[in-house]
Amino acid sequence: MMPSSEVIRLIFRLFIDRDKAEEVTATVHERTPLIDEIERLVLQDSLADQIPGYVEDEILMLNAAQIECFVVEEEKTFAIYSDGKRYLIRKRLYELEKTLPGNFERISKSALANWKAIERFRVQLSGAVDAVFKSGYVECISRRCFAELKRRYGL
Protein backbone atom coordinates (compact mmCIF):
# COMPACT_ATOMS: atom_id res chain seq x y z
CA MET A 1 0.00 0.00 0.00
CA MET A 2 1.38 3.42 -0.93
CA PRO A 3 1.34 6.26 1.62
CA SER A 4 -1.51 8.69 0.95
CA SER A 5 0.87 11.68 0.86
CA GLU A 6 2.64 10.29 -2.21
CA VAL A 7 1.58 11.68 -5.59
CA ILE A 8 0.65 8.97 -8.09
CA ARG A 9 1.69 9.66 -11.67
CA LEU A 10 0.16 7.85 -14.56
CA ILE A 11 2.38 7.43 -17.58
CA PHE A 12 1.20 6.30 -21.00
CA ARG A 13 3.70 5.41 -23.72
CA LEU A 14 2.97 4.25 -27.26
CA PHE A 15 5.72 3.07 -29.59
CA ILE A 16 4.89 2.19 -33.17
CA ASP A 17 7.41 -0.15 -34.78
CA ARG A 18 6.09 -2.29 -37.62
CA ASP A 19 9.17 -4.54 -37.45
CA LYS A 20 8.51 -5.77 -33.90
CA ALA A 21 5.85 -8.07 -32.44
CA GLU A 22 3.06 -6.24 -30.65
CA GLU A 23 3.27 -6.24 -26.88
CA VAL A 24 1.23 -4.51 -24.21
CA THR A 25 2.77 -4.18 -20.75
CA ALA A 26 1.00 -2.68 -17.76
CA THR A 27 2.56 -2.01 -14.38
CA VAL A 28 -0.18 -1.62 -11.79
CA HIS A 29 -0.48 -1.55 -8.01
CA GLU A 30 -3.28 -4.16 -7.96
CA ARG A 31 -5.79 -5.93 -10.16
CA THR A 32 -9.02 -3.94 -10.37
CA PRO A 33 -12.15 -4.15 -12.55
CA LEU A 34 -10.59 -1.44 -14.76
CA ILE A 35 -7.45 -3.56 -15.25
CA ASP A 36 -9.63 -6.58 -16.05
CA GLU A 37 -11.47 -4.51 -18.68
CA ILE A 38 -8.20 -3.25 -20.19
CA GLU A 39 -6.94 -6.84 -20.38
CA ARG A 40 -10.19 -7.93 -22.04
CA LEU A 41 -9.94 -5.14 -24.62
CA VAL A 42 -6.31 -5.92 -25.41
CA LEU A 43 -6.95 -9.64 -25.73
CA GLN A 44 -10.40 -9.59 -27.32
CA ASP A 45 -11.07 -11.47 -30.50
CA SER A 46 -9.08 -9.12 -32.71
CA LEU A 47 -6.88 -12.17 -33.21
CA ALA A 48 -9.61 -14.74 -33.90
CA ASP A 49 -7.19 -17.60 -34.44
CA GLN A 50 -5.40 -16.96 -31.15
CA ILE A 51 -6.52 -17.55 -27.57
CA PRO A 52 -4.89 -16.05 -24.47
CA GLY A 53 -3.35 -18.72 -22.26
CA TYR A 54 -2.11 -18.03 -18.75
CA VAL A 55 0.86 -19.65 -17.06
CA GLU A 56 2.14 -18.22 -13.79
CA ASP A 57 2.42 -14.45 -14.35
CA GLU A 58 2.54 -14.55 -18.16
CA ILE A 59 -0.13 -14.38 -20.82
CA LEU A 60 0.73 -16.18 -24.05
CA MET A 61 -1.26 -15.99 -27.26
CA LEU A 62 -1.93 -19.60 -28.24
CA ASN A 63 -2.49 -20.56 -31.86
CA ALA A 64 -5.90 -22.28 -31.90
CA ALA A 65 -4.70 -24.78 -34.52
CA GLN A 66 -1.97 -25.95 -32.12
CA ILE A 67 -4.39 -26.56 -29.24
CA GLU A 68 -5.18 -30.26 -29.03
CA CYS A 69 -7.81 -30.23 -26.33
CA PHE A 70 -9.59 -28.05 -23.78
CA VAL A 71 -10.34 -29.72 -20.44
CA VAL A 72 -12.04 -28.64 -17.23
CA GLU A 73 -10.36 -29.70 -14.01
CA GLU A 74 -11.34 -28.43 -10.56
CA GLU A 75 -13.65 -25.85 -12.21
CA LYS A 76 -10.81 -24.36 -14.27
CA THR A 77 -10.44 -24.60 -18.05
CA PHE A 78 -7.07 -25.60 -19.48
CA ALA A 79 -5.76 -25.81 -23.04
CA ILE A 80 -3.52 -28.76 -23.84
CA TYR A 81 -1.05 -27.47 -26.42
CA SER A 82 0.70 -29.49 -29.13
CA ASP A 83 3.91 -29.54 -27.07
CA GLY A 84 2.00 -31.14 -24.17
CA LYS A 85 2.03 -28.00 -21.98
CA ARG A 86 -1.12 -26.87 -20.17
CA TYR A 87 -2.36 -23.28 -20.14
CA LEU A 88 -5.13 -21.79 -18.05
CA ILE A 89 -7.93 -20.36 -20.19
CA ARG A 90 -10.30 -17.78 -18.73
CA LYS A 91 -13.35 -18.99 -20.62
CA ARG A 92 -15.85 -21.76 -20.07
CA LEU A 93 -16.18 -24.60 -22.56
CA TYR A 94 -19.56 -23.36 -23.81
CA GLU A 95 -17.98 -19.95 -24.55
CA LEU A 96 -15.11 -21.60 -26.43
CA GLU A 97 -17.54 -23.76 -28.44
CA LYS A 98 -19.16 -20.60 -29.84
CA THR A 99 -15.89 -19.12 -31.13
CA LEU A 100 -13.70 -22.09 -32.07
CA PRO A 101 -13.51 -23.45 -35.62
CA GLY A 102 -15.57 -26.51 -36.57
CA ASN A 103 -12.73 -28.98 -36.02
CA PHE A 104 -13.27 -28.65 -32.24
CA GLU A 105 -15.82 -31.16 -30.98
CA ARG A 106 -17.24 -31.90 -27.56
CA ILE A 107 -15.95 -35.32 -26.46
CA SER A 108 -17.29 -35.24 -22.91
CA LYS A 109 -19.03 -32.96 -20.45
CA SER A 110 -15.62 -31.57 -19.50
CA ALA A 111 -13.59 -31.66 -22.74
CA LEU A 112 -13.43 -30.22 -26.26
CA ALA A 113 -11.06 -31.87 -28.73
CA ASN A 114 -9.36 -30.59 -31.86
CA TRP A 115 -10.42 -33.34 -34.26
CA LYS A 116 -7.34 -32.69 -36.42
CA ALA A 117 -5.00 -33.34 -33.46
CA ILE A 118 -6.36 -36.78 -32.58
CA GLU A 119 -3.83 -39.40 -33.62
CA ARG A 120 -5.92 -42.47 -32.79
CA PHE A 121 -8.69 -43.90 -30.63
CA ARG A 122 -7.95 -46.49 -27.98
CA VAL A 123 -10.66 -48.85 -26.74
CA GLN A 124 -10.37 -49.91 -23.10
CA LEU A 125 -11.40 -53.38 -21.85
CA SER A 126 -14.33 -51.70 -20.09
CA GLY A 127 -15.59 -50.46 -23.46
CA ALA A 128 -14.57 -46.85 -22.80
CA VAL A 129 -12.87 -45.04 -25.68
CA ASP A 130 -9.92 -42.68 -25.30
CA ALA A 131 -8.73 -40.03 -27.74
CA VAL A 132 -4.94 -40.16 -28.03
CA PHE A 133 -3.53 -36.86 -29.29
CA LYS A 134 -0.34 -36.25 -31.28
CA SER A 135 1.43 -34.92 -28.16
CA GLY A 136 0.63 -38.15 -26.31
CA TYR A 137 -2.09 -36.57 -24.16
CA VAL A 138 -5.03 -38.92 -23.58
CA GLU A 139 -8.62 -37.89 -22.83
CA CYS A 140 -11.60 -40.18 -22.30
CA ILE A 141 -14.54 -39.79 -24.69
CA SER A 142 -17.95 -40.14 -23.09
CA ARG A 143 -20.20 -42.89 -24.47
CA ARG A 144 -22.86 -40.37 -25.51
CA CYS A 145 -20.35 -38.17 -27.38
CA PHE A 146 -18.64 -41.17 -28.97
CA ALA A 147 -21.98 -42.41 -30.30
CA GLU A 148 -22.56 -39.00 -31.90
CA LEU A 149 -19.02 -38.88 -33.32
CA LYS A 150 -19.43 -42.41 -34.75
CA ARG A 151 -22.66 -41.39 -36.42
CA ARG A 152 -21.27 -38.13 -37.81
CA TYR A 153 -17.85 -39.37 -38.98
CA GLY A 154 -18.58 -43.04 -39.66
CA LEU A 155 -16.11 -44.40 -37.14
C-alpha atoms as a PDB file:
ATOM      1  CA  MET A   1       0.000   0.000   0.000  1.00  0.00           C
ATOM      2  CA  MET A   2       1.379   3.417  -0.929  1.00  0.00           C
ATOM      3  CA  PRO A   3       1.342   6.259   1.622  1.00  0.00           C
ATOM      4  CA  SER A   4      -1.513   8.689   0.949  1.00  0.00           C
ATOM      5  CA  SER A   5       0.869  11.678   0.863  1.00  0.00           C
ATOM      6  CA  GLU A   6       2.637  10.290  -2.210  1.00  0.00           C
ATOM      7  CA  VAL A   7       1.583  11.681  -5.595  1.00  0.00           C
ATOM      8  CA  ILE A   8       0.652   8.972  -8.090  1.00  0.00           C
ATOM      9  CA  ARG A   9       1.691   9.662 -11.668  1.00  0.00           C
ATOM     10  CA  LEU A  10       0.161   7.846 -14.558  1.00  0.00           C
ATOM     11  CA  ILE A  11       2.380   7.433 -17.583  1.00  0.00           C
ATOM     12  CA  PHE A  12       1.204   6.295 -21.002  1.00  0.00           C
ATOM     13  CA  ARG A  13       3.703   5.411 -23.719  1.00  0.00           C
ATOM     14  CA  LEU A  14       2.973   4.252 -27.265  1.00  0.00           C
ATOM     15  CA  PHE A  15       5.717   3.070 -29.589  1.00  0.00           C
ATOM     16  CA  ILE A  16       4.888   2.190 -33.174  1.00  0.00           C
ATOM     17  CA  ASP A  17       7.406  -0.148 -34.784  1.00  0.00           C
ATOM     18  CA  ARG A  18       6.086  -2.288 -37.622  1.00  0.00           C
ATOM     19  CA  ASP A  19       9.168  -4.538 -37.448  1.00  0.00           C
ATOM     20  CA  LYS A  20       8.507  -5.767 -33.899  1.00  0.00           C
ATOM     21  CA  ALA A  21       5.855  -8.070 -32.436  1.00  0.00           C
ATOM     22  CA  GLU A  22       3.060  -6.236 -30.653  1.00  0.00           C
ATOM     23  CA  GLU A  23       3.271  -6.236 -26.884  1.00  0.00           C
ATOM     24  CA  VAL A  24       1.226  -4.510 -24.208  1.00  0.00           C
ATOM     25  CA  THR A  25       2.768  -4.183 -20.754  1.00  0.00           C
ATOM     26  CA  ALA A  26       0.997  -2.683 -17.756  1.00  0.00           C
ATOM     27  CA  THR A  27       2.559  -2.012 -14.379  1.00  0.00           C
ATOM     28  CA  VAL A  28      -0.180  -1.622 -11.787  1.00  0.00           C
ATOM     29  CA  HIS A  29      -0.481  -1.550  -8.009  1.00  0.00           C
ATOM     30  CA  GLU A  30      -3.279  -4.157  -7.955  1.00  0.00           C
ATOM     31  CA  ARG A  31      -5.794  -5.926 -10.163  1.00  0.00           C
ATOM     32  CA  THR A  32      -9.021  -3.942 -10.375  1.00  0.00           C
ATOM     33  CA  PRO A  33     -12.146  -4.151 -12.549  1.00  0.00           C
ATOM     34  CA  LEU A  34     -10.594  -1.440 -14.759  1.00  0.00           C
ATOM     35  CA  ILE A  35      -7.448  -3.558 -15.246  1.00  0.00           C
ATOM     36  CA  ASP A  36      -9.632  -6.582 -16.053  1.00  0.00           C
ATOM     37  CA  GLU A  37     -11.466  -4.507 -18.680  1.00  0.00           C
ATOM     38  CA  ILE A  38      -8.199  -3.250 -20.191  1.00  0.00           C
ATOM     39  CA  GLU A  39      -6.945  -6.845 -20.377  1.00  0.00           C
ATOM     40  CA  ARG A  40     -10.187  -7.933 -22.036  1.00  0.00           C
ATOM     41  CA  LEU A  41      -9.940  -5.137 -24.619  1.00  0.00           C
ATOM     42  CA  VAL A  42      -6.308  -5.916 -25.414  1.00  0.00           C
ATOM     43  CA  LEU A  43      -6.951  -9.643 -25.734  1.00  0.00           C
ATOM     44  CA  GLN A  44     -10.399  -9.589 -27.322  1.00  0.00           C
ATOM     45  CA  ASP A  45     -11.074 -11.471 -30.503  1.00  0.00           C
ATOM     46  CA  SER A  46      -9.077  -9.119 -32.713  1.00  0.00           C
ATOM     47  CA  LEU A  47      -6.883 -12.172 -33.214  1.00  0.00           C
ATOM     48  CA  ALA A  48      -9.609 -14.738 -33.903  1.00  0.00           C
ATOM     49  CA  ASP A  49      -7.192 -17.598 -34.438  1.00  0.00           C
ATOM     50  CA  GLN A  50      -5.396 -16.963 -31.145  1.00  0.00           C
ATOM     51  CA  ILE A  51      -6.515 -17.548 -27.568  1.00  0.00           C
ATOM     52  CA  PRO A  52      -4.886 -16.054 -24.472  1.00  0.00           C
ATOM     53  CA  GLY A  53      -3.351 -18.722 -22.255  1.00  0.00           C
ATOM     54  CA  TYR A  54      -2.110 -18.026 -18.753  1.00  0.00           C
ATOM     55  CA  VAL A  55       0.861 -19.649 -17.065  1.00  0.00           C
ATOM     56  CA  GLU A  56       2.139 -18.218 -13.786  1.00  0.00           C
ATOM     57  CA  ASP A  57       2.416 -14.449 -14.353  1.00  0.00           C
ATOM     58  CA  GLU A  58       2.541 -14.552 -18.159  1.00  0.00           C
ATOM     59  CA  ILE A  59      -0.128 -14.378 -20.819  1.00  0.00           C
ATOM     60  CA  LEU A  60       0.730 -16.180 -24.048  1.00  0.00           C
ATOM     61  CA  MET A  61      -1.262 -15.993 -27.261  1.00  0.00           C
ATOM     62  CA  LEU A  62      -1.927 -19.604 -28.237  1.00  0.00           C
ATOM     63  CA  ASN A  63      -2.488 -20.556 -31.860  1.00  0.00           C
ATOM     64  CA  ALA A  64      -5.904 -22.282 -31.905  1.00  0.00           C
ATOM     65  CA  ALA A  65      -4.701 -24.777 -34.523  1.00  0.00           C
ATOM     66  CA  GLN A  66      -1.967 -25.953 -32.119  1.00  0.00           C
ATOM     67  CA  ILE A  67      -4.391 -26.555 -29.239  1.00  0.00           C
ATOM     68  CA  GLU A  68      -5.183 -30.258 -29.027  1.00  0.00           C
ATOM     69  CA  CYS A  69      -7.810 -30.232 -26.327  1.00  0.00           C
ATOM     70  CA  PHE A  70      -9.592 -28.046 -23.777  1.00  0.00           C
ATOM     71  CA  VAL A  71     -10.337 -29.720 -20.444  1.00  0.00           C
ATOM     72  CA  VAL A  72     -12.037 -28.639 -17.233  1.00  0.00           C
ATOM     73  CA  GLU A  73     -10.361 -29.703 -14.005  1.00  0.00           C
ATOM     74  CA  GLU A  74     -11.345 -28.425 -10.563  1.00  0.00           C
ATOM     75  CA  GLU A  75     -13.652 -25.853 -12.206  1.00  0.00           C
ATOM     76  CA  LYS A  76     -10.810 -24.357 -14.274  1.00  0.00           C
ATOM     77  CA  THR A  77     -10.444 -24.598 -18.055  1.00  0.00           C
ATOM     78  CA  PHE A  78      -7.075 -25.603 -19.485  1.00  0.00           C
ATOM     79  CA  ALA A  79      -5.763 -25.805 -23.036  1.00  0.00           C
ATOM     80  CA  ILE A  80      -3.524 -28.757 -23.836  1.00  0.00           C
ATOM     81  CA  TYR A  81      -1.053 -27.468 -26.421  1.00  0.00           C
ATOM     82  CA  SER A  82       0.697 -29.485 -29.130  1.00  0.00           C
ATOM     83  CA  ASP A  83       3.910 -29.538 -27.066  1.00  0.00           C
ATOM     84  CA  GLY A  84       1.997 -31.136 -24.167  1.00  0.00           C
ATOM     85  CA  LYS A  85       2.030 -28.004 -21.983  1.00  0.00           C
ATOM     86  CA  ARG A  86      -1.117 -26.866 -20.168  1.00  0.00           C
ATOM     87  CA  TYR A  87      -2.355 -23.285 -20.139  1.00  0.00           C
ATOM     88  CA  LEU A  88      -5.133 -21.792 -18.049  1.00  0.00           C
ATOM     89  CA  ILE A  89      -7.931 -20.356 -20.187  1.00  0.00           C
ATOM     90  CA  ARG A  90     -10.303 -17.782 -18.731  1.00  0.00           C
ATOM     91  CA  LYS A  91     -13.348 -18.986 -20.623  1.00  0.00           C
ATOM     92  CA  ARG A  92     -15.846 -21.757 -20.065  1.00  0.00           C
ATOM     93  CA  LEU A  93     -16.183 -24.605 -22.558  1.00  0.00           C
ATOM     94  CA  TYR A  94     -19.560 -23.361 -23.809  1.00  0.00           C
ATOM     95  CA  GLU A  95     -17.978 -19.947 -24.546  1.00  0.00           C
ATOM     96  CA  LEU A  96     -15.114 -21.597 -26.434  1.00  0.00           C
ATOM     97  CA  GLU A  97     -17.541 -23.759 -28.441  1.00  0.00           C
ATOM     98  CA  LYS A  98     -19.163 -20.600 -29.836  1.00  0.00           C
ATOM     99  CA  THR A  99     -15.890 -19.124 -31.128  1.00  0.00           C
ATOM    100  CA  LEU A 100     -13.700 -22.093 -32.073  1.00  0.00           C
ATOM    101  CA  PRO A 101     -13.512 -23.451 -35.623  1.00  0.00           C
ATOM    102  CA  GLY A 102     -15.568 -26.511 -36.573  1.00  0.00           C
ATOM    103  CA  ASN A 103     -12.733 -28.977 -36.023  1.00  0.00           C
ATOM    104  CA  PHE A 104     -13.267 -28.650 -32.239  1.00  0.00           C
ATOM    105  CA  GLU A 105     -15.822 -31.165 -30.979  1.00  0.00           C
ATOM    106  CA  ARG A 106     -17.245 -31.903 -27.555  1.00  0.00           C
ATOM    107  CA  ILE A 107     -15.953 -35.318 -26.457  1.00  0.00           C
ATOM    108  CA  SER A 108     -17.292 -35.238 -22.911  1.00  0.00           C
ATOM    109  CA  LYS A 109     -19.028 -32.961 -20.447  1.00  0.00           C
ATOM    110  CA  SER A 110     -15.624 -31.565 -19.502  1.00  0.00           C
ATOM    111  CA  ALA A 111     -13.591 -31.661 -22.740  1.00  0.00           C
ATOM    112  CA  LEU A 112     -13.434 -30.224 -26.262  1.00  0.00           C
ATOM    113  CA  ALA A 113     -11.055 -31.873 -28.725  1.00  0.00           C
ATOM    114  CA  ASN A 114      -9.358 -30.592 -31.855  1.00  0.00           C
ATOM    115  CA  TRP A 115     -10.419 -33.336 -34.258  1.00  0.00           C
ATOM    116  CA  LYS A 116      -7.339 -32.687 -36.424  1.00  0.00           C
ATOM    117  CA  ALA A 117      -5.004 -33.336 -33.457  1.00  0.00           C
ATOM    118  CA  ILE A 118      -6.361 -36.783 -32.577  1.00  0.00           C
ATOM    119  CA  GLU A 119      -3.827 -39.402 -33.619  1.00  0.00           C
ATOM    120  CA  ARG A 120      -5.925 -42.473 -32.788  1.00  0.00           C
ATOM    121  CA  PHE A 121      -8.688 -43.896 -30.632  1.00  0.00           C
ATOM    122  CA  ARG A 122      -7.953 -46.493 -27.982  1.00  0.00           C
ATOM    123  CA  VAL A 123     -10.662 -48.845 -26.740  1.00  0.00           C
ATOM    124  CA  GLN A 124     -10.371 -49.911 -23.097  1.00  0.00           C
ATOM    125  CA  LEU A 125     -11.400 -53.381 -21.848  1.00  0.00           C
ATOM    126  CA  SER A 126     -14.331 -51.696 -20.088  1.00  0.00           C
ATOM    127  CA  GLY A 127     -15.587 -50.455 -23.456  1.00  0.00           C
ATOM    128  CA  ALA A 128     -14.574 -46.851 -22.804  1.00  0.00           C
ATOM    129  CA  VAL A 129     -12.875 -45.039 -25.684  1.00  0.00           C
ATOM    130  CA  ASP A 130      -9.916 -42.683 -25.298  1.00  0.00           C
ATOM    131  CA  ALA A 131      -8.731 -40.033 -27.735  1.00  0.00           C
ATOM    132  CA  VAL A 132      -4.938 -40.158 -28.034  1.00  0.00           C
ATOM    133  CA  PHE A 133      -3.531 -36.857 -29.287  1.00  0.00           C
ATOM    134  CA  LYS A 134      -0.340 -36.253 -31.276  1.00  0.00           C
ATOM    135  CA  SER A 135       1.435 -34.921 -28.159  1.00  0.00           C
ATOM    136  CA  GLY A 136       0.626 -38.151 -26.308  1.00  0.00           C
ATOM    137  CA  TYR A 137      -2.086 -36.568 -24.158  1.00  0.00           C
ATOM    138  CA  VAL A 138      -5.028 -38.924 -23.581  1.00  0.00           C
ATOM    139  CA  GLU A 139      -8.616 -37.885 -22.833  1.00  0.00           C
ATOM    140  CA  CYS A 140     -11.601 -40.180 -22.301  1.00  0.00           C
ATOM    141  CA  ILE A 141     -14.538 -39.790 -24.690  1.00  0.00           C
ATOM    142  CA  SER A 142     -17.952 -40.141 -23.089  1.00  0.00           C
ATOM    143  CA  ARG A 143     -20.197 -42.889 -24.467  1.00  0.00           C
ATOM    144  CA  ARG A 144     -22.857 -40.371 -25.514  1.00  0.00           C
ATOM    145  CA  CYS A 145     -20.345 -38.171 -27.376  1.00  0.00           C
ATOM    146  CA  PHE A 146     -18.636 -41.170 -28.972  1.00  0.00           C
ATOM    147  CA  ALA A 147     -21.979 -42.415 -30.298  1.00  0.00           C
ATOM    148  CA  GLU A 148     -22.560 -38.997 -31.904  1.00  0.00           C
ATOM    149  CA  LEU A 149     -19.017 -38.877 -33.321  1.00  0.00           C
ATOM    150  CA  LYS A 150     -19.430 -42.413 -34.752  1.00  0.00           C
ATOM    151  CA  ARG A 151     -22.660 -41.391 -36.422  1.00  0.00           C
ATOM    152  CA  ARG A 152     -21.269 -38.134 -37.805  1.00  0.00           C
ATOM    153  CA  TYR A 153     -17.854 -39.374 -38.978  1.00  0.00           C
ATOM    154  CA  GLY A 154     -18.581 -43.036 -39.664  1.00  0.00           C
ATOM    155  CA  LEU A 155     -16.114 -44.398 -37.136  1.00  0.00           C
END
